[in-house]
Structure formats: C-alpha cells, structure tokens
C-alpha cells in the first residue's frame, strides 16, 4: 500500500498546499480515515485545544467535559457531544468544528453554517 501524504494539522496549511484535496481525490474514505485515526491526539489538540480532562483512552473538552473523544485504540476518533446529544467519527468532528453544525439537509447535500 502506498504511503499517504502527511496531513498538516492546521486546516489553513492543508488548504493552502492542497494536500487534503489530493488525499481525498487519490484515496478511499477508509484510507483517509485510517490516516487521520493514527494522528488523533495531535490533530485533536490542533482542532480543539488542550483537553480539560484526560482519562485512559479518552480526552474531554468543556467546563464539565461535555465533548469526549477516544484518542487511541480501535475506536480512536469517535467523539460524542453530551450537551448536543450528537457524535460520530473524527472527519465529522473536523467538519463540525471548521464549518459549524449542519443546518439543513437536501437530498445528499449538506448545508453548513455557524
């Protein structure tokens, strides 16, 4: 299997260099998700800042730790926002943090907004 390109931890750097676009075009979703899963702790710190709590395989953010993220193991990258009652995979967390929550879904198209 070919080595995936390094994915910068700063979203603006990734967009500027087109690395994420190239990775998405040339790799399957599963390969991209696996590459991200291997870097969850590093990417989480860049995306969310320093965690409020760290326990075993899970980090938490927020005053009461309402956002939880599994940082390693087979479920690395799985997150859950206990206040919003929503969760998912790390790619979804990236989209949520950078684009805001989905406002409306029309067919297969998501419309994002803050």
C-alpha atoms as a PDB file:
ATOM      1  CA  UNK A   1       0.000   0.000   0.000  1.00  0.00           C
ATOM      2  CA  UNK A   2       1.329   3.437  -0.916  1.00  0.00           C
ATOM      3  CA  UNK A   3       2.154   5.828   1.900  1.00  0.00           C
ATOM      4  CA  UNK A   4      -0.407   8.590   2.388  1.00  0.00           C
ATOM      5  CA  UNK A   5       0.918  12.149   2.310  1.00  0.00           C
ATOM      6  CA  UNK A   6       1.464  13.882   5.621  1.00  0.00           C
ATOM      7  CA  UNK A   7      -1.692  15.767   6.526  1.00  0.00           C
ATOM      8  CA  UNK A   8      -0.913  19.116   8.128  1.00  0.00           C
ATOM      9  CA  UNK A   9      -2.548  19.679  11.493  1.00  0.00           C
ATOM     10  CA  UNK A  10      -3.503  23.263  10.677  1.00  0.00           C
ATOM     11  CA  UNK A  11      -6.525  23.406   8.352  1.00  0.00           C
ATOM     12  CA  UNK A  12      -5.353  26.588   6.627  1.00  0.00           C
ATOM     13  CA  UNK A  13      -1.979  24.983   5.822  1.00  0.00           C
ATOM     14  CA  UNK A  14      -3.744  21.943   4.377  1.00  0.00           C
ATOM     15  CA  UNK A  15      -5.953  24.085   2.169  1.00  0.00           C
ATOM     16  CA  UNK A  16      -3.051  26.267   1.074  1.00  0.00           C
ATOM     17  CA  UNK A  17      -0.982  23.304  -0.026  1.00  0.00           C
ATOM     18  CA  UNK A  18      -3.876  21.307  -1.459  1.00  0.00           C
ATOM     19  CA  UNK A  19      -2.719  18.248   0.473  1.00  0.00           C
ATOM     20  CA  UNK A  20      -6.102  17.319   1.890  1.00  0.00           C
ATOM     21  CA  UNK A  21      -7.753  17.723  -1.523  1.00  0.00           C
ATOM     22  CA  UNK A  22      -5.116  15.479  -3.086  1.00  0.00           C
ATOM     23  CA  UNK A  23      -5.511  12.870  -0.339  1.00  0.00           C
ATOM     24  CA  UNK A  24      -9.284  12.868  -0.757  1.00  0.00           C
ATOM     25  CA  UNK A  25      -9.078  12.522  -4.549  1.00  0.00           C
ATOM     26  CA  UNK A  26      -6.456   9.803  -4.604  1.00  0.00           C
ATOM     27  CA  UNK A  27      -7.515   7.677  -1.620  1.00  0.00           C
ATOM     28  CA  UNK A  28     -10.642   5.991  -0.439  1.00  0.00           C
ATOM     29  CA  UNK A  29     -12.561   7.373   2.522  1.00  0.00           C
ATOM     30  CA  UNK A  30     -11.406   4.383   4.603  1.00  0.00           C
ATOM     31  CA  UNK A  31      -7.745   5.085   3.835  1.00  0.00           C
ATOM     32  CA  UNK A  32      -8.145   8.757   4.685  1.00  0.00           C
ATOM     33  CA  UNK A  33      -9.986   7.910   7.913  1.00  0.00           C
ATOM     34  CA  UNK A  34      -7.220   5.428   8.858  1.00  0.00           C
ATOM     35  CA  UNK A  35      -4.504   8.045   8.252  1.00  0.00           C
ATOM     36  CA  UNK A  36      -6.382  10.538  10.419  1.00  0.00           C
ATOM     37  CA  UNK A  37      -7.102   7.926  13.114  1.00  0.00           C
ATOM     38  CA  UNK A  38      -3.349   7.353  13.515  1.00  0.00           C
ATOM     39  CA  UNK A  39      -2.896  11.058  14.358  1.00  0.00           C
ATOM     40  CA  UNK A  40      -5.974  11.713  16.515  1.00  0.00           C
ATOM     41  CA  UNK A  41      -4.158  13.100  19.607  1.00  0.00           C
ATOM     42  CA  UNK A  42      -2.081  15.543  17.551  1.00  0.00           C
ATOM     43  CA  UNK A  43      -4.997  16.625  15.355  1.00  0.00           C
ATOM     44  CA  UNK A  44      -7.360  16.937  18.341  1.00  0.00           C
ATOM     45  CA  UNK A  45      -5.005  19.350  20.120  1.00  0.00           C
ATOM     46  CA  UNK A  46      -4.795  21.498  16.979  1.00  0.00           C
ATOM     47  CA  UNK A  47      -8.543  21.402  16.363  1.00  0.00           C
ATOM     48  CA  UNK A  48      -9.901  21.672  19.919  1.00  0.00           C
ATOM     49  CA  UNK A  49      -7.004  22.963  22.009  1.00  0.00           C
ATOM     50  CA  UNK A  50      -5.807  21.472  25.266  1.00  0.00           C
ATOM     51  CA  UNK A  51      -8.249  18.942  26.756  1.00  0.00           C
ATOM     52  CA  UNK A  52      -9.920  19.765  30.051  1.00  0.00           C
ATOM     53  CA  UNK A  53      -9.659  16.139  31.235  1.00  0.00           C
ATOM     54  CA  UNK A  54      -7.708  13.063  30.197  1.00  0.00           C
ATOM     55  CA  UNK A  55      -8.767   9.608  31.320  1.00  0.00           C
ATOM     56  CA  UNK A  56      -7.310   6.424  29.846  1.00  0.00           C
ATOM     57  CA  UNK A  57      -8.172   6.366  26.151  1.00  0.00           C
ATOM     58  CA  UNK A  58     -10.482   9.385  26.288  1.00  0.00           C
ATOM     59  CA  UNK A  59      -9.960  13.133  26.319  1.00  0.00           C
ATOM     60  CA  UNK A  60     -12.668  15.660  27.202  1.00  0.00           C
ATOM     61  CA  UNK A  61     -13.228  19.349  26.495  1.00  0.00           C
ATOM     62  CA  UNK A  62     -15.576  21.875  28.065  1.00  0.00           C
ATOM     63  CA  UNK A  63     -16.197  23.070  31.590  1.00  0.00           C
ATOM     64  CA  UNK A  64     -17.833  19.778  32.552  1.00  0.00           C
ATOM     65  CA  UNK A  65     -16.157  17.632  29.890  1.00  0.00           C
ATOM     66  CA  UNK A  66     -19.209  17.506  27.655  1.00  0.00           C
ATOM     67  CA  UNK A  67     -17.231  16.798  24.457  1.00  0.00           C
ATOM     68  CA  UNK A  68     -15.480  13.437  24.652  1.00  0.00           C
ATOM     69  CA  UNK A  69     -13.065  11.913  22.132  1.00  0.00           C
ATOM     70  CA  UNK A  70     -11.460   8.464  22.051  1.00  0.00           C
ATOM     71  CA  UNK A  71      -7.805   9.125  21.249  1.00  0.00           C
ATOM     72  CA  UNK A  72      -6.414   5.649  20.630  1.00  0.00           C
ATOM     73  CA  UNK A  73      -7.343   2.027  20.163  1.00  0.00           C
ATOM     74  CA  UNK A  74      -9.893   0.563  17.751  1.00  0.00           C
ATOM     75  CA  UNK A  75     -12.381   3.387  18.388  1.00  0.00           C
ATOM     76  CA  UNK A  76      -9.851   6.223  18.004  1.00  0.00           C
ATOM     77  CA  UNK A  77     -11.509   9.318  16.602  1.00  0.00           C
ATOM     78  CA  UNK A  78     -15.017   8.520  17.849  1.00  0.00           C
ATOM     79  CA  UNK A  79     -16.485  11.550  19.607  1.00  0.00           C
ATOM     80  CA  UNK A  80     -19.664  12.483  21.432  1.00  0.00           C
ATOM     81  CA  UNK A  81     -21.008  15.875  22.478  1.00  0.00           C
ATOM     82  CA  UNK A  82     -23.082  15.137  25.586  1.00  0.00           C
ATOM     83  CA  UNK A  83     -24.744  18.565  25.539  1.00  0.00           C
ATOM     84  CA  UNK A  84     -25.912  18.276  21.931  1.00  0.00           C
ATOM     85  CA  UNK A  85     -26.525  14.518  22.056  1.00  0.00           C
ATOM     86  CA  UNK A  86     -24.524  14.027  18.847  1.00  0.00           C
ATOM     87  CA  UNK A  87     -21.383  12.176  17.906  1.00  0.00           C
ATOM     88  CA  UNK A  88     -19.578  10.371  15.127  1.00  0.00           C
ATOM     89  CA  UNK A  89     -16.180   9.873  13.530  1.00  0.00           C
ATOM     90  CA  UNK A  90     -13.234  12.244  13.501  1.00  0.00           C
ATOM     91  CA  UNK A  91     -13.860  13.507   9.962  1.00  0.00           C
ATOM     92  CA  UNK A  92     -17.330  14.590  11.111  1.00  0.00           C
ATOM     93  CA  UNK A  93     -15.793  16.355  14.114  1.00  0.00           C
ATOM     94  CA  UNK A  94     -13.413  18.239  11.816  1.00  0.00           C
ATOM     95  CA  UNK A  95     -16.357  19.329   9.659  1.00  0.00           C
ATOM     96  CA  UNK A  96     -18.374  20.350  12.726  1.00  0.00           C
ATOM     97  CA  UNK A  97     -15.556  22.420  14.214  1.00  0.00           C
ATOM     98  CA  UNK A  98     -14.462  24.078  10.975  1.00  0.00           C
ATOM     99  CA  UNK A  99     -17.807  24.500   9.231  1.00  0.00           C
ATOM    100  CA  UNK A 100     -20.299  24.571  12.094  1.00  0.00           C
ATOM    101  CA  UNK A 101     -23.234  22.197  12.595  1.00  0.00           C
ATOM    102  CA  UNK A 102     -25.348  21.160   9.613  1.00  0.00           C
ATOM    103  CA  UNK A 103     -28.392  23.408   9.279  1.00  0.00           C
ATOM    104  CA  UNK A 104     -30.349  21.578   6.672  1.00  0.00           C
ATOM    105  CA  UNK A 105     -30.038  18.522   4.505  1.00  0.00           C
ATOM    106  CA  UNK A 106     -31.397  18.466   0.997  1.00  0.00           C
ATOM    107  CA  UNK A 107     -31.038  15.099  -0.722  1.00  0.00           C
ATOM    108  CA  UNK A 108     -27.362  14.178  -0.480  1.00  0.00           C
ATOM    109  CA  UNK A 109     -26.179  17.736   0.030  1.00  0.00           C
ATOM    110  CA  UNK A 110     -25.395  19.226   3.453  1.00  0.00           C
ATOM    111  CA  UNK A 111     -25.628  22.930   4.036  1.00  0.00           C
ATOM    112  CA  UNK A 112     -23.308  24.132   6.776  1.00  0.00           C
ATOM    113  CA  UNK A 113     -23.494  27.245   8.875  1.00  0.00           C
ATOM    114  CA  UNK A 114     -22.345  28.656  12.136  1.00  0.00           C
END
